[in-house]
Amino acid sequence: MRRIIILEEEKAGEWDLEFEEGKKLDICPVCSAEIHEGVPVFECPFCGNRMHARCVQPWIDERGTCPICKRPLSQKG
């Protein structure tokens, strides 16, 4: 049996990936794919995580919260 030791906890969407010098990838924490320039994104005003708008919209419509930090995104009533 192998042991896996995790030295640092990574937050979703905060992976530090570099493929070209100085260029970091922006990864959607919902689908784990790269967020390309010009694609509609949602950025949580509380935790700052960015994700594809198409990935997160169904969640927001149903729950009204950020899928990462779970904070409410609108005041009802």
C-alpha atoms as a PDB file:
ATOM      1  CA  MET A   1       0.000   0.000   0.000  1.00  0.00           C
ATOM      2  CA  ARG A   2       1.332   3.450  -0.953  1.00  0.00           C
ATOM      3  CA  ARG A   3       0.938   6.540   1.187  1.00  0.00           C
ATOM      4  CA  ILE A   4       0.184   9.864  -0.431  1.00  0.00           C
ATOM      5  CA  ILE A   5       1.327  12.882   1.526  1.00  0.00           C
ATOM      6  CA  ILE A   6      -0.259  16.206   0.741  1.00  0.00           C
ATOM      7  CA  LEU A   7       1.956  19.070   1.820  1.00  0.00           C
ATOM      8  CA  GLU A   8      -0.328  21.987   0.983  1.00  0.00           C
ATOM      9  CA  GLU A   9      -4.053  22.176   0.510  1.00  0.00           C
ATOM     10  CA  GLU A  10      -5.113  23.748  -2.776  1.00  0.00           C
ATOM     11  CA  LYS A  11      -8.353  25.666  -3.139  1.00  0.00           C
ATOM     12  CA  ALA A  12     -10.515  24.856  -6.122  1.00  0.00           C
ATOM     13  CA  GLY A  13      -9.659  27.150  -9.005  1.00  0.00           C
ATOM     14  CA  GLU A  14      -6.320  28.187  -7.513  1.00  0.00           C
ATOM     15  CA  TRP A  15      -4.033  25.711  -9.194  1.00  0.00           C
ATOM     16  CA  ASP A  16      -0.699  27.221 -10.072  1.00  0.00           C
ATOM     17  CA  LEU A  17      -0.107  25.812 -13.539  1.00  0.00           C
ATOM     18  CA  GLU A  18       2.324  27.415 -15.941  1.00  0.00           C
ATOM     19  CA  PHE A  19       2.842  26.199 -19.493  1.00  0.00           C
ATOM     20  CA  GLU A  20       4.499  29.278 -20.937  1.00  0.00           C
ATOM     21  CA  GLU A  21       6.840  31.537 -19.055  1.00  0.00           C
ATOM     22  CA  GLY A  22       4.781  33.922 -16.949  1.00  0.00           C
ATOM     23  CA  LYS A  23       1.413  32.656 -18.247  1.00  0.00           C
ATOM     24  CA  LYS A  24      -0.750  30.838 -15.711  1.00  0.00           C
ATOM     25  CA  LEU A  25      -3.780  28.783 -16.629  1.00  0.00           C
ATOM     26  CA  ASP A  26      -7.183  29.802 -15.313  1.00  0.00           C
ATOM     27  CA  ILE A  27      -8.973  26.551 -14.420  1.00  0.00           C
ATOM     28  CA  CYS A  28     -12.731  26.218 -13.893  1.00  0.00           C
ATOM     29  CA  PRO A  29     -13.293  24.488 -10.515  1.00  0.00           C
ATOM     30  CA  VAL A  30     -16.580  23.008 -11.768  1.00  0.00           C
ATOM     31  CA  CYS A  31     -15.401  21.181 -14.912  1.00  0.00           C
ATOM     32  CA  SER A  32     -11.604  21.325 -14.362  1.00  0.00           C
ATOM     33  CA  ALA A  33     -11.027  22.699 -17.869  1.00  0.00           C
ATOM     34  CA  GLU A  34      -9.059  25.786 -18.812  1.00  0.00           C
ATOM     35  CA  ILE A  35     -10.983  29.056 -19.039  1.00  0.00           C
ATOM     36  CA  HIS A  36     -10.021  30.531 -22.388  1.00  0.00           C
ATOM     37  CA  GLU A  37      -9.955  34.250 -23.111  1.00  0.00           C
ATOM     38  CA  GLY A  38     -13.280  35.611 -24.351  1.00  0.00           C
ATOM     39  CA  VAL A  39     -15.398  32.839 -22.811  1.00  0.00           C
ATOM     40  CA  PRO A  40     -18.177  34.084 -20.478  1.00  0.00           C
ATOM     41  CA  VAL A  41     -17.154  33.607 -16.845  1.00  0.00           C
ATOM     42  CA  PHE A  42     -18.697  34.040 -13.422  1.00  0.00           C
ATOM     43  CA  GLU A  43     -16.503  35.384 -10.618  1.00  0.00           C
ATOM     44  CA  CYS A  44     -17.804  35.025  -7.077  1.00  0.00           C
ATOM     45  CA  PRO A  45     -17.785  38.426  -5.338  1.00  0.00           C
ATOM     46  CA  PHE A  46     -16.954  36.722  -2.022  1.00  0.00           C
ATOM     47  CA  CYS A  47     -14.298  34.074  -2.681  1.00  0.00           C
ATOM     48  CA  GLY A  48     -13.081  35.362  -6.064  1.00  0.00           C
ATOM     49  CA  ASN A  49     -13.188  31.967  -7.759  1.00  0.00           C
ATOM     50  CA  ARG A  50     -13.736  32.188 -11.514  1.00  0.00           C
ATOM     51  CA  MET A  51     -15.636  29.529 -13.427  1.00  0.00           C
ATOM     52  CA  HIS A  52     -17.303  29.078 -16.799  1.00  0.00           C
ATOM     53  CA  ALA A  53     -20.709  30.772 -16.760  1.00  0.00           C
ATOM     54  CA  ARG A  54     -22.238  27.742 -18.517  1.00  0.00           C
ATOM     55  CA  CYS A  55     -20.909  25.421 -15.797  1.00  0.00           C
ATOM     56  CA  VAL A  56     -22.138  27.416 -12.824  1.00  0.00           C
ATOM     57  CA  GLN A  57     -25.419  28.919 -14.085  1.00  0.00           C
ATOM     58  CA  PRO A  58     -27.605  25.843 -13.375  1.00  0.00           C
ATOM     59  CA  TRP A  59     -26.233  25.705  -9.806  1.00  0.00           C
ATOM     60  CA  ILE A  60     -26.868  29.415  -9.215  1.00  0.00           C
ATOM     61  CA  ASP A  61     -30.372  29.200 -10.702  1.00  0.00           C
ATOM     62  CA  GLU A  62     -31.278  26.288  -8.414  1.00  0.00           C
ATOM     63  CA  ARG A  63     -29.465  27.190  -5.191  1.00  0.00           C
ATOM     64  CA  GLY A  64     -28.600  30.889  -5.427  1.00  0.00           C
ATOM     65  CA  THR A  65     -25.172  30.355  -3.868  1.00  0.00           C
ATOM     66  CA  CYS A  66     -21.568  30.108  -5.000  1.00  0.00           C
ATOM     67  CA  PRO A  67     -20.740  26.412  -5.530  1.00  0.00           C
ATOM     68  CA  ILE A  68     -17.345  26.922  -3.888  1.00  0.00           C
ATOM     69  CA  CYS A  69     -17.890  29.114  -0.804  1.00  0.00           C
ATOM     70  CA  LYS A  70     -21.699  28.567  -0.564  1.00  0.00           C
ATOM     71  CA  ARG A  71     -22.390  32.247   0.175  1.00  0.00           C
ATOM     72  CA  PRO A  72     -25.733  33.610  -1.075  1.00  0.00           C
ATOM     73  CA  LEU A  73     -25.431  35.546  -4.323  1.00  0.00           C
ATOM     74  CA  SER A  74     -28.665  37.527  -4.082  1.00  0.00           C
ATOM     75  CA  GLN A  75     -31.080  38.781  -1.479  1.00  0.00           C
ATOM     76  CA  LYS A  76     -34.590  37.413  -1.917  1.00  0.00           C
ATOM     77  CA  GLY A  77     -37.619  39.145  -0.593  1.00  0.00           C
END
